[in-house]
């Protein structure tokens, strides 16, 4: 496979515990299907519950004018889109579901997601914890993964409540006391 930017042959490399392909010249990165999510999850476990799927119908609203790059794997034109509301433009192959990132885009995505979590209010995190709890029953990603996401949200909610409402932390502690799997 060759780089989508400069056509230099890509080298396989370990990135955040995932084998991806990287350009030795421009440091662009090729993530095969679902590898971008795995790299994000390995970077910060608090981000694992955030599931932006660049191939969902929801993601289509973030489509921007294509940068006319070819997929390193399939050699078909890729579509460009903004990674959620981050202003980071990524390229996706609709054929093999791979993602191309310029060298500085992954850290920008992680920074954006970190700010997203930091700016969530306790009310927003409480709503998200309910959504995550309901996902456990559906098991879309697998029951253990859904439980892990739910527990991550509860941890973040506890932190946020301790900042916004220090007196309510006792209530959250009671919830932990009565849930044996926490």
N, C-alpha and C. Protein backbone atom coordinates (compact mmCIF):
# COMPACT_ATOMS: atom_id res chain seq x y z
N UNK A 1 0.84 -1.17 0.00
CA UNK A 1 0.00 0.00 0.00
C UNK A 1 0.89 1.24 0.00
N UNK A 2 0.40 2.28 -0.69
CA UNK A 2 1.12 3.54 -0.75
C UNK A 2 0.34 4.64 -0.05
N UNK A 3 1.08 5.64 0.41
CA UNK A 3 0.53 6.78 1.12
C UNK A 3 -0.51 7.50 0.26
N UNK A 4 -1.62 7.90 0.88
CA UNK A 4 -2.67 8.64 0.18
C UNK A 4 -2.24 10.07 -0.12
N UNK A 5 -1.21 10.55 0.55
CA UNK A 5 -0.72 11.92 0.35
C UNK A 5 0.41 11.98 -0.67
N UNK A 6 1.50 11.23 -0.40
CA UNK A 6 2.73 11.38 -1.19
C UNK A 6 3.14 10.13 -1.95
N UNK A 7 2.32 9.09 -1.89
CA UNK A 7 2.53 7.83 -2.61
C UNK A 7 3.76 7.03 -2.14
N UNK A 8 4.35 7.38 -1.02
CA UNK A 8 5.45 6.61 -0.43
C UNK A 8 4.89 5.29 0.09
N UNK A 9 5.62 4.18 -0.07
CA UNK A 9 5.12 2.91 0.48
C UNK A 9 4.89 3.02 2.00
N UNK A 10 3.76 2.51 2.45
CA UNK A 10 3.42 2.54 3.88
C UNK A 10 4.12 1.41 4.61
N UNK A 11 4.49 1.68 5.86
CA UNK A 11 5.15 0.70 6.71
C UNK A 11 4.20 0.31 7.83
N UNK A 12 4.14 -0.99 8.14
CA UNK A 12 3.32 -1.39 9.28
C UNK A 12 4.04 -0.98 10.56
N UNK A 13 3.26 -0.53 11.54
CA UNK A 13 3.82 -0.07 12.80
C UNK A 13 2.82 -0.31 13.92
N UNK A 14 3.32 -0.42 15.13
CA UNK A 14 2.46 -0.53 16.30
C UNK A 14 2.09 0.88 16.74
N UNK A 15 0.82 1.16 16.81
CA UNK A 15 0.33 2.47 17.22
C UNK A 15 -0.73 2.25 18.28
N UNK A 16 -0.40 2.60 19.51
CA UNK A 16 -1.34 2.45 20.63
C UNK A 16 -1.80 1.00 20.78
N UNK A 17 -0.90 0.06 20.47
CA UNK A 17 -1.24 -1.35 20.60
C UNK A 17 -1.97 -1.94 19.41
N UNK A 18 -2.11 -1.18 18.34
CA UNK A 18 -2.79 -1.62 17.12
C UNK A 18 -1.78 -1.57 15.98
N UNK A 19 -1.79 -2.57 15.13
CA UNK A 19 -0.93 -2.53 13.95
C UNK A 19 -1.65 -1.74 12.87
N UNK A 20 -1.04 -0.62 12.49
CA UNK A 20 -1.58 0.23 11.42
C UNK A 20 -0.48 0.43 10.39
N UNK A 21 -0.77 1.19 9.35
CA UNK A 21 0.23 1.53 8.34
C UNK A 21 0.49 3.02 8.39
N UNK A 22 1.77 3.37 8.33
CA UNK A 22 2.18 4.76 8.46
C UNK A 22 3.18 5.11 7.36
N UNK A 23 3.12 6.34 6.92
CA UNK A 23 4.05 6.83 5.90
C UNK A 23 5.31 7.35 6.60
N UNK A 24 6.45 6.88 6.18
CA UNK A 24 7.71 7.31 6.78
C UNK A 24 8.07 8.74 6.37
N UNK A 25 7.47 9.22 5.29
CA UNK A 25 7.79 10.56 4.81
C UNK A 25 6.90 11.63 5.44
N UNK A 26 5.59 11.49 5.35
CA UNK A 26 4.67 12.54 5.84
C UNK A 26 3.98 12.17 7.15
N UNK A 27 4.20 10.96 7.64
CA UNK A 27 3.61 10.44 8.87
C UNK A 27 2.08 10.33 8.84
N UNK A 28 1.51 10.26 7.63
CA UNK A 28 0.09 9.97 7.51
C UNK A 28 -0.16 8.55 7.99
N UNK A 29 -1.39 8.27 8.43
CA UNK A 29 -1.69 6.96 9.01
C UNK A 29 -2.93 6.35 8.38
N UNK A 30 -2.84 5.05 8.09
CA UNK A 30 -3.95 4.29 7.55
C UNK A 30 -4.46 3.34 8.64
N UNK A 31 -5.74 3.49 8.97
CA UNK A 31 -6.40 2.64 9.96
C UNK A 31 -7.40 1.76 9.22
N UNK A 32 -7.22 0.45 9.30
CA UNK A 32 -8.20 -0.46 8.71
C UNK A 32 -9.49 -0.39 9.53
N UNK A 33 -10.49 -1.07 9.06
CA UNK A 33 -11.82 -1.04 9.68
C UNK A 33 -11.73 -1.18 11.20
N UNK A 34 -12.35 -0.26 11.93
CA UNK A 34 -12.47 -0.23 13.40
C UNK A 34 -11.16 0.02 14.15
N UNK A 35 -10.04 0.17 13.46
CA UNK A 35 -8.76 0.38 14.16
C UNK A 35 -8.65 1.78 14.76
N UNK A 36 -9.27 2.77 14.15
CA UNK A 36 -9.23 4.12 14.71
C UNK A 36 -9.93 4.13 16.07
N UNK A 37 -11.07 3.48 16.17
CA UNK A 37 -11.79 3.39 17.45
C UNK A 37 -10.94 2.66 18.48
N UNK A 38 -10.31 1.57 18.08
CA UNK A 38 -9.46 0.82 19.02
C UNK A 38 -8.29 1.68 19.50
N UNK A 39 -7.66 2.42 18.61
CA UNK A 39 -6.54 3.29 18.99
C UNK A 39 -7.02 4.37 19.95
N UNK A 40 -8.19 4.93 19.69
CA UNK A 40 -8.78 5.94 20.59
C UNK A 40 -9.03 5.33 21.96
N UNK A 41 -9.62 4.15 21.99
CA UNK A 41 -9.92 3.48 23.26
C UNK A 41 -8.65 3.14 24.03
N UNK A 42 -7.59 2.76 23.33
CA UNK A 42 -6.32 2.43 23.98
C UNK A 42 -5.58 3.66 24.48
N UNK A 43 -5.89 4.81 23.90
CA UNK A 43 -5.23 6.05 24.29
C UNK A 43 -5.75 6.55 25.64
N UNK A 44 -7.07 6.47 25.83
CA UNK A 44 -7.67 6.96 27.07
C UNK A 44 -8.96 6.17 27.30
N UNK A 45 -8.97 5.36 28.35
CA UNK A 45 -10.15 4.52 28.60
C UNK A 45 -11.41 5.33 28.87
N UNK A 46 -11.26 6.57 29.32
CA UNK A 46 -12.43 7.42 29.55
C UNK A 46 -13.12 7.81 28.24
N UNK A 47 -12.46 7.61 27.12
CA UNK A 47 -13.04 7.96 25.82
C UNK A 47 -13.75 6.77 25.16
N UNK A 48 -13.63 5.59 25.74
CA UNK A 48 -14.12 4.38 25.08
C UNK A 48 -15.63 4.37 24.84
N UNK A 49 -16.40 5.06 25.65
CA UNK A 49 -17.85 5.07 25.49
C UNK A 49 -18.31 5.98 24.36
N UNK A 50 -17.42 6.87 23.89
CA UNK A 50 -17.78 7.77 22.79
C UNK A 50 -17.63 7.01 21.48
N UNK A 51 -18.72 6.80 20.81
CA UNK A 51 -18.73 5.96 19.62
C UNK A 51 -19.13 6.74 18.38
N UNK A 52 -18.21 7.48 17.80
CA UNK A 52 -18.49 8.15 16.53
C UNK A 52 -18.10 7.19 15.42
N UNK A 53 -19.07 6.76 14.64
CA UNK A 53 -18.82 5.84 13.54
C UNK A 53 -18.79 6.63 12.23
N UNK A 54 -17.61 6.78 11.63
CA UNK A 54 -17.51 7.56 10.39
C UNK A 54 -18.29 6.97 9.21
N UNK A 55 -18.84 5.76 9.38
CA UNK A 55 -19.55 5.11 8.29
C UNK A 55 -21.05 5.02 8.54
N UNK A 56 -21.52 5.64 9.60
CA UNK A 56 -22.94 5.62 9.91
C UNK A 56 -23.68 6.69 9.10
N UNK A 57 -24.99 6.56 9.06
CA UNK A 57 -25.81 7.59 8.42
C UNK A 57 -25.65 8.92 9.14
N UNK A 58 -25.49 8.87 10.47
CA UNK A 58 -25.29 10.08 11.28
C UNK A 58 -24.03 10.84 10.83
N UNK A 59 -22.98 10.10 10.48
CA UNK A 59 -21.72 10.73 10.08
C UNK A 59 -21.85 11.47 8.74
N UNK A 60 -22.79 11.06 7.92
CA UNK A 60 -22.94 11.69 6.61
C UNK A 60 -23.19 13.19 6.69
N UNK A 61 -23.78 13.65 7.79
CA UNK A 61 -24.03 15.09 7.92
C UNK A 61 -22.74 15.88 8.14
N UNK A 62 -21.64 15.20 8.40
CA UNK A 62 -20.34 15.85 8.60
C UNK A 62 -19.47 15.82 7.34
N UNK A 63 -20.04 15.34 6.24
CA UNK A 63 -19.30 15.24 4.98
C UNK A 63 -18.90 16.64 4.50
N UNK A 64 -17.67 16.75 4.02
CA UNK A 64 -17.16 18.00 3.46
C UNK A 64 -16.64 17.70 2.06
N UNK A 65 -16.23 18.73 1.37
CA UNK A 65 -15.71 18.54 0.03
C UNK A 65 -14.51 17.60 0.07
N UNK A 66 -14.50 16.63 -0.80
CA UNK A 66 -13.46 15.61 -0.83
C UNK A 66 -12.09 16.21 -1.15
N UNK A 67 -11.08 15.63 -0.54
CA UNK A 67 -9.70 16.04 -0.83
C UNK A 67 -9.12 15.21 -1.98
N UNK A 68 -9.94 14.36 -2.58
CA UNK A 68 -9.59 13.57 -3.76
C UNK A 68 -8.39 12.65 -3.54
N UNK A 69 -8.38 12.01 -2.39
CA UNK A 69 -7.34 11.02 -2.11
C UNK A 69 -7.88 9.65 -2.48
N UNK A 70 -6.96 8.76 -2.86
CA UNK A 70 -7.35 7.38 -3.14
C UNK A 70 -7.05 6.52 -1.93
N UNK A 71 -7.91 5.55 -1.70
CA UNK A 71 -7.72 4.60 -0.62
C UNK A 71 -6.42 3.83 -0.86
N UNK A 72 -5.54 3.78 0.15
CA UNK A 72 -4.30 3.03 -0.01
C UNK A 72 -4.53 1.54 -0.26
N UNK A 73 -5.64 1.02 0.23
CA UNK A 73 -5.91 -0.41 0.10
C UNK A 73 -6.67 -0.74 -1.18
N UNK A 74 -7.76 0.00 -1.45
CA UNK A 74 -8.65 -0.31 -2.58
C UNK A 74 -8.37 0.50 -3.84
N UNK A 75 -7.68 1.61 -3.67
CA UNK A 75 -7.38 2.54 -4.76
C UNK A 75 -8.63 3.21 -5.34
N UNK A 76 -9.69 3.29 -4.52
CA UNK A 76 -10.89 4.01 -4.93
C UNK A 76 -10.88 5.37 -4.25
N UNK A 77 -11.57 6.37 -4.82
CA UNK A 77 -11.60 7.69 -4.18
C UNK A 77 -12.25 7.61 -2.79
N UNK A 78 -11.65 8.32 -1.86
CA UNK A 78 -12.19 8.37 -0.49
C UNK A 78 -13.04 9.63 -0.33
N UNK A 79 -13.93 9.58 0.63
CA UNK A 79 -14.78 10.73 0.98
C UNK A 79 -14.20 11.41 2.22
N UNK A 80 -14.25 12.72 2.26
CA UNK A 80 -13.76 13.47 3.41
C UNK A 80 -14.93 13.86 4.29
N UNK A 81 -14.69 13.88 5.59
CA UNK A 81 -15.69 14.34 6.54
C UNK A 81 -15.01 14.88 7.79
N UNK A 82 -15.76 15.65 8.52
CA UNK A 82 -15.28 16.17 9.79
C UNK A 82 -15.54 15.11 10.85
N UNK A 83 -14.55 14.86 11.69
CA UNK A 83 -14.74 13.92 12.79
C UNK A 83 -15.65 14.58 13.81
N UNK A 84 -16.91 14.23 13.73
CA UNK A 84 -17.96 14.81 14.55
C UNK A 84 -17.89 16.33 14.45
N UNK A 85 -17.85 17.05 15.56
CA UNK A 85 -17.82 18.51 15.52
C UNK A 85 -16.43 19.05 15.83
N UNK A 86 -15.40 18.24 15.57
CA UNK A 86 -14.03 18.57 15.97
C UNK A 86 -13.30 19.53 15.03
N UNK A 87 -13.77 19.69 13.84
CA UNK A 87 -13.09 20.43 12.78
C UNK A 87 -11.87 19.68 12.22
N UNK A 88 -11.69 18.43 12.62
CA UNK A 88 -10.62 17.59 12.08
C UNK A 88 -11.19 16.85 10.87
N UNK A 89 -10.57 17.06 9.72
CA UNK A 89 -11.03 16.42 8.48
C UNK A 89 -10.30 15.09 8.33
N UNK A 90 -11.09 14.02 8.19
CA UNK A 90 -10.54 12.69 7.97
C UNK A 90 -11.04 12.20 6.61
N UNK A 91 -10.38 11.18 6.10
CA UNK A 91 -10.80 10.58 4.83
C UNK A 91 -11.21 9.14 5.09
N UNK A 92 -12.33 8.75 4.52
CA UNK A 92 -12.83 7.40 4.73
C UNK A 92 -13.06 6.70 3.40
N UNK A 93 -12.77 5.43 3.38
CA UNK A 93 -13.03 4.61 2.20
C UNK A 93 -14.36 3.89 2.42
N UNK A 94 -15.32 4.18 1.60
CA UNK A 94 -16.64 3.57 1.73
C UNK A 94 -16.63 2.11 1.28
N UNK A 95 -15.56 1.69 0.63
CA UNK A 95 -15.46 0.33 0.14
C UNK A 95 -14.95 -0.62 1.23
N UNK A 96 -13.78 -0.31 1.83
CA UNK A 96 -13.18 -1.20 2.83
C UNK A 96 -13.33 -0.68 4.26
N UNK A 97 -13.91 0.51 4.41
CA UNK A 97 -14.14 1.15 5.71
C UNK A 97 -12.85 1.48 6.45
N UNK A 98 -11.81 1.81 5.71
CA UNK A 98 -10.58 2.29 6.30
C UNK A 98 -10.62 3.80 6.46
N UNK A 99 -9.71 4.31 7.31
CA UNK A 99 -9.64 5.74 7.60
C UNK A 99 -8.21 6.22 7.37
N UNK A 100 -8.07 7.36 6.68
CA UNK A 100 -6.77 8.00 6.49
C UNK A 100 -6.72 9.27 7.33
N UNK A 101 -5.64 9.41 8.13
CA UNK A 101 -5.43 10.61 8.93
C UNK A 101 -4.10 11.23 8.57
N UNK A 102 -4.06 12.56 8.47
CA UNK A 102 -2.79 13.27 8.36
C UNK A 102 -2.04 13.10 9.68
N UNK A 103 -0.79 13.42 9.71
CA UNK A 103 0.07 13.13 10.87
C UNK A 103 -0.41 13.74 12.18
N UNK A 104 -1.02 14.89 12.18
CA UNK A 104 -1.41 15.54 13.44
C UNK A 104 -2.90 15.39 13.78
N UNK A 105 -3.63 14.61 12.99
CA UNK A 105 -5.08 14.54 13.20
C UNK A 105 -5.48 13.65 14.38
N UNK A 106 -4.76 12.56 14.63
CA UNK A 106 -5.14 11.70 15.75
C UNK A 106 -5.05 12.45 17.08
N UNK A 107 -3.93 13.14 17.37
CA UNK A 107 -3.89 13.90 18.63
C UNK A 107 -4.99 14.97 18.72
N UNK A 108 -5.34 15.57 17.60
CA UNK A 108 -6.41 16.57 17.60
C UNK A 108 -7.76 15.93 17.93
N UNK A 109 -8.00 14.73 17.44
CA UNK A 109 -9.24 14.01 17.75
C UNK A 109 -9.29 13.70 19.24
N UNK A 110 -8.19 13.21 19.79
CA UNK A 110 -8.13 12.87 21.22
C UNK A 110 -8.34 14.13 22.06
N UNK A 111 -7.72 15.23 21.66
CA UNK A 111 -7.89 16.49 22.40
C UNK A 111 -9.35 16.94 22.35
N UNK A 112 -9.97 16.86 21.19
CA UNK A 112 -11.38 17.23 21.03
C UNK A 112 -12.26 16.37 21.95
N UNK A 113 -12.05 15.06 21.94
CA UNK A 113 -12.87 14.17 22.76
C UNK A 113 -12.65 14.43 24.25
N UNK A 114 -11.41 14.73 24.64
CA UNK A 114 -11.12 15.07 26.03
C UNK A 114 -11.87 16.32 26.46
N UNK A 115 -11.88 17.34 25.60
CA UNK A 115 -12.62 18.57 25.90
C UNK A 115 -14.12 18.29 25.96
N UNK A 116 -14.59 17.42 25.09
CA UNK A 116 -16.01 17.05 25.07
C UNK A 116 -16.41 16.48 26.43
N UNK A 117 -15.60 15.59 26.96
CA UNK A 117 -15.89 14.99 28.27
C UNK A 117 -15.80 16.04 29.38
N UNK A 118 -14.76 16.85 29.33
CA UNK A 118 -14.55 17.87 30.36
C UNK A 118 -15.70 18.86 30.42
N UNK A 119 -16.28 19.17 29.28
CA UNK A 119 -17.36 20.16 29.23
C UNK A 119 -18.75 19.59 29.48
N UNK A 120 -18.86 18.27 29.62
CA UNK A 120 -20.15 17.65 29.90
C UNK A 120 -20.59 18.02 31.32
N UNK A 121 -21.82 18.44 31.47
CA UNK A 121 -22.36 18.72 32.80
C UNK A 121 -22.76 17.40 33.45
N UNK A 122 -23.04 17.44 34.74
CA UNK A 122 -23.49 16.24 35.42
C UNK A 122 -24.83 15.77 34.84
N UNK A 123 -25.70 16.69 34.47
CA UNK A 123 -26.98 16.31 33.87
C UNK A 123 -26.77 15.58 32.54
N UNK A 124 -25.86 16.10 31.72
CA UNK A 124 -25.57 15.44 30.43
C UNK A 124 -24.96 14.05 30.65
N UNK A 125 -24.06 13.95 31.60
CA UNK A 125 -23.45 12.65 31.90
C UNK A 125 -24.48 11.68 32.48
N UNK A 126 -25.41 12.19 33.27
CA UNK A 126 -26.47 11.33 33.82
C UNK A 126 -27.34 10.78 32.68
N UNK A 127 -27.68 11.64 31.71
CA UNK A 127 -28.46 11.17 30.55
C UNK A 127 -27.66 10.13 29.76
N UNK A 128 -26.38 10.39 29.61
CA UNK A 128 -25.53 9.45 28.86
C UNK A 128 -25.39 8.12 29.61
N UNK A 129 -25.33 8.18 30.93
CA UNK A 129 -25.23 6.93 31.70
C UNK A 129 -26.49 6.09 31.52
N UNK A 130 -27.65 6.74 31.45
CA UNK A 130 -28.90 6.01 31.20
C UNK A 130 -28.87 5.36 29.82
N UNK A 131 -28.42 6.12 28.81
CA UNK A 131 -28.30 5.56 27.45
C UNK A 131 -27.38 4.34 27.45
N UNK A 132 -26.24 4.48 28.14
CA UNK A 132 -25.27 3.38 28.19
C UNK A 132 -25.86 2.18 28.93
N UNK A 133 -26.62 2.43 29.99
CA UNK A 133 -27.26 1.35 30.72
C UNK A 133 -28.24 0.59 29.81
N UNK A 134 -29.01 1.34 29.03
CA UNK A 134 -29.97 0.71 28.12
C UNK A 134 -29.26 -0.08 27.02
N UNK A 135 -28.06 0.36 26.64
CA UNK A 135 -27.30 -0.36 25.62
C UNK A 135 -26.84 -1.73 26.12
N UNK A 136 -26.71 -1.87 27.44
CA UNK A 136 -26.31 -3.16 28.00
C UNK A 136 -27.32 -4.23 27.60
N UNK A 137 -28.60 -3.90 27.64
CA UNK A 137 -29.64 -4.88 27.31
C UNK A 137 -29.63 -5.23 25.83
N UNK A 138 -29.21 -4.28 24.99
CA UNK A 138 -29.14 -4.55 23.54
C UNK A 138 -27.88 -5.30 23.18
N UNK A 139 -26.78 -5.01 23.89
CA UNK A 139 -25.52 -5.70 23.66
C UNK A 139 -24.94 -5.51 22.28
N UNK A 140 -25.09 -4.31 21.70
CA UNK A 140 -24.63 -4.06 20.33
C UNK A 140 -23.14 -4.35 20.17
N UNK A 141 -22.33 -3.94 21.16
CA UNK A 141 -20.88 -4.16 21.09
C UNK A 141 -20.45 -5.38 21.90
N UNK A 142 -21.39 -6.06 22.47
CA UNK A 142 -21.08 -7.17 23.37
C UNK A 142 -21.33 -6.72 24.80
N UNK A 143 -21.86 -7.60 25.61
CA UNK A 143 -22.30 -7.23 26.95
C UNK A 143 -21.16 -6.69 27.81
N UNK A 144 -19.99 -7.31 27.74
CA UNK A 144 -18.88 -6.84 28.59
C UNK A 144 -18.42 -5.46 28.17
N UNK A 145 -18.40 -5.18 26.88
CA UNK A 145 -18.01 -3.87 26.38
C UNK A 145 -19.03 -2.81 26.79
N UNK A 146 -20.31 -3.15 26.70
CA UNK A 146 -21.36 -2.22 27.06
C UNK A 146 -21.33 -1.92 28.58
N UNK A 147 -21.07 -2.94 29.38
CA UNK A 147 -20.95 -2.74 30.83
C UNK A 147 -19.76 -1.85 31.14
N UNK A 148 -18.66 -2.09 30.45
CA UNK A 148 -17.46 -1.26 30.66
C UNK A 148 -17.75 0.20 30.32
N UNK A 149 -18.45 0.45 29.22
CA UNK A 149 -18.81 1.82 28.85
C UNK A 149 -19.70 2.45 29.92
N UNK A 150 -20.67 1.68 30.42
CA UNK A 150 -21.56 2.18 31.46
C UNK A 150 -20.77 2.55 32.72
N UNK A 151 -19.85 1.69 33.12
CA UNK A 151 -19.06 1.96 34.32
C UNK A 151 -18.14 3.17 34.13
N UNK A 152 -17.65 3.34 32.92
CA UNK A 152 -16.82 4.52 32.63
C UNK A 152 -17.63 5.79 32.78
N UNK A 153 -18.85 5.78 32.25
CA UNK A 153 -19.73 6.95 32.37
C UNK A 153 -20.05 7.22 33.85
N UNK A 154 -20.32 6.16 34.61
CA UNK A 154 -20.59 6.36 36.04
C UNK A 154 -19.39 6.99 36.74
N UNK A 155 -18.20 6.55 36.40
CA UNK A 155 -16.99 7.12 36.99
C UNK A 155 -16.87 8.61 36.65
N UNK A 156 -17.11 8.95 35.37
CA UNK A 156 -17.06 10.35 34.94
C UNK A 156 -18.16 11.17 35.61
N UNK A 157 -19.33 10.57 35.75
CA UNK A 157 -20.44 11.25 36.41
C UNK A 157 -20.10 11.54 37.87
N UNK A 158 -19.49 10.58 38.53
CA UNK A 158 -19.10 10.77 39.93
C UNK A 158 -18.10 11.93 40.05
N UNK A 159 -17.13 11.96 39.16
CA UNK A 159 -16.15 13.06 39.18
C UNK A 159 -16.84 14.41 38.98
N UNK A 160 -17.74 14.47 37.99
CA UNK A 160 -18.41 15.72 37.68
C UNK A 160 -19.30 16.17 38.85
N UNK A 161 -20.02 15.23 39.43
CA UNK A 161 -20.88 15.58 40.57
C UNK A 161 -20.03 16.07 41.74
N UNK A 162 -18.89 15.45 41.96
CA UNK A 162 -18.04 15.88 43.07
C UNK A 162 -17.55 17.31 42.88
N UNK A 163 -17.45 17.76 41.64
CA UNK A 163 -17.05 19.13 41.35
C UNK A 163 -18.25 20.07 41.42
N UNK A 164 -19.34 19.69 40.75
CA UNK A 164 -20.52 20.55 40.68
C UNK A 164 -21.36 20.54 41.95
N UNK A 165 -21.47 19.38 42.58
CA UNK A 165 -22.36 19.20 43.74
C UNK A 165 -21.67 18.30 44.78
N UNK A 166 -20.73 18.82 45.51
CA UNK A 166 -19.97 17.99 46.45
C UNK A 166 -20.85 17.23 47.45
N UNK A 167 -21.98 17.82 47.84
CA UNK A 167 -22.86 17.17 48.80
C UNK A 167 -23.57 15.94 48.21
N UNK A 168 -23.70 15.89 46.89
CA UNK A 168 -24.39 14.76 46.27
C UNK A 168 -23.50 13.54 46.11
N UNK A 169 -22.22 13.68 46.34
CA UNK A 169 -21.32 12.56 46.16
C UNK A 169 -21.68 11.41 47.09
N UNK A 170 -22.25 11.73 48.23
CA UNK A 170 -22.69 10.69 49.16
C UNK A 170 -23.77 9.82 48.53
N UNK A 171 -24.65 10.43 47.76
CA UNK A 171 -25.71 9.68 47.08
C UNK A 171 -25.11 8.73 46.06
N UNK A 172 -24.16 9.20 45.29
CA UNK A 172 -23.51 8.35 44.30
C UNK A 172 -22.77 7.21 45.00
N UNK A 173 -22.14 7.49 46.14
CA UNK A 173 -21.47 6.44 46.90
C UNK A 173 -22.44 5.36 47.33
N UNK A 174 -23.67 5.73 47.65
CA UNK A 174 -24.70 4.75 48.02
C UNK A 174 -25.05 3.86 46.82
N UNK A 175 -25.10 4.43 45.64
CA UNK A 175 -25.37 3.64 44.43
C UNK A 175 -24.28 2.59 44.26
N UNK A 176 -23.04 3.00 44.39
CA UNK A 176 -21.92 2.06 44.29
C UNK A 176 -22.03 0.97 45.36
N UNK A 177 -22.47 1.33 46.54
CA UNK A 177 -22.58 0.39 47.65
C UNK A 177 -23.57 -0.73 47.33
N UNK A 178 -24.65 -0.40 46.61
CA UNK A 178 -25.71 -1.38 46.34
C UNK A 178 -25.55 -2.10 45.00
N UNK A 179 -24.58 -1.72 44.20
CA UNK A 179 -24.35 -2.41 42.93
C UNK A 179 -23.11 -3.30 43.09
N UNK A 180 -23.30 -4.59 43.22
CA UNK A 180 -22.18 -5.49 43.55
C UNK A 180 -21.11 -5.58 42.47
N UNK A 181 -21.43 -5.31 41.21
CA UNK A 181 -20.43 -5.47 40.15
C UNK A 181 -19.55 -4.25 40.00
N UNK A 182 -19.74 -3.21 40.78
CA UNK A 182 -18.89 -2.03 40.72
C UNK A 182 -17.78 -2.22 41.68
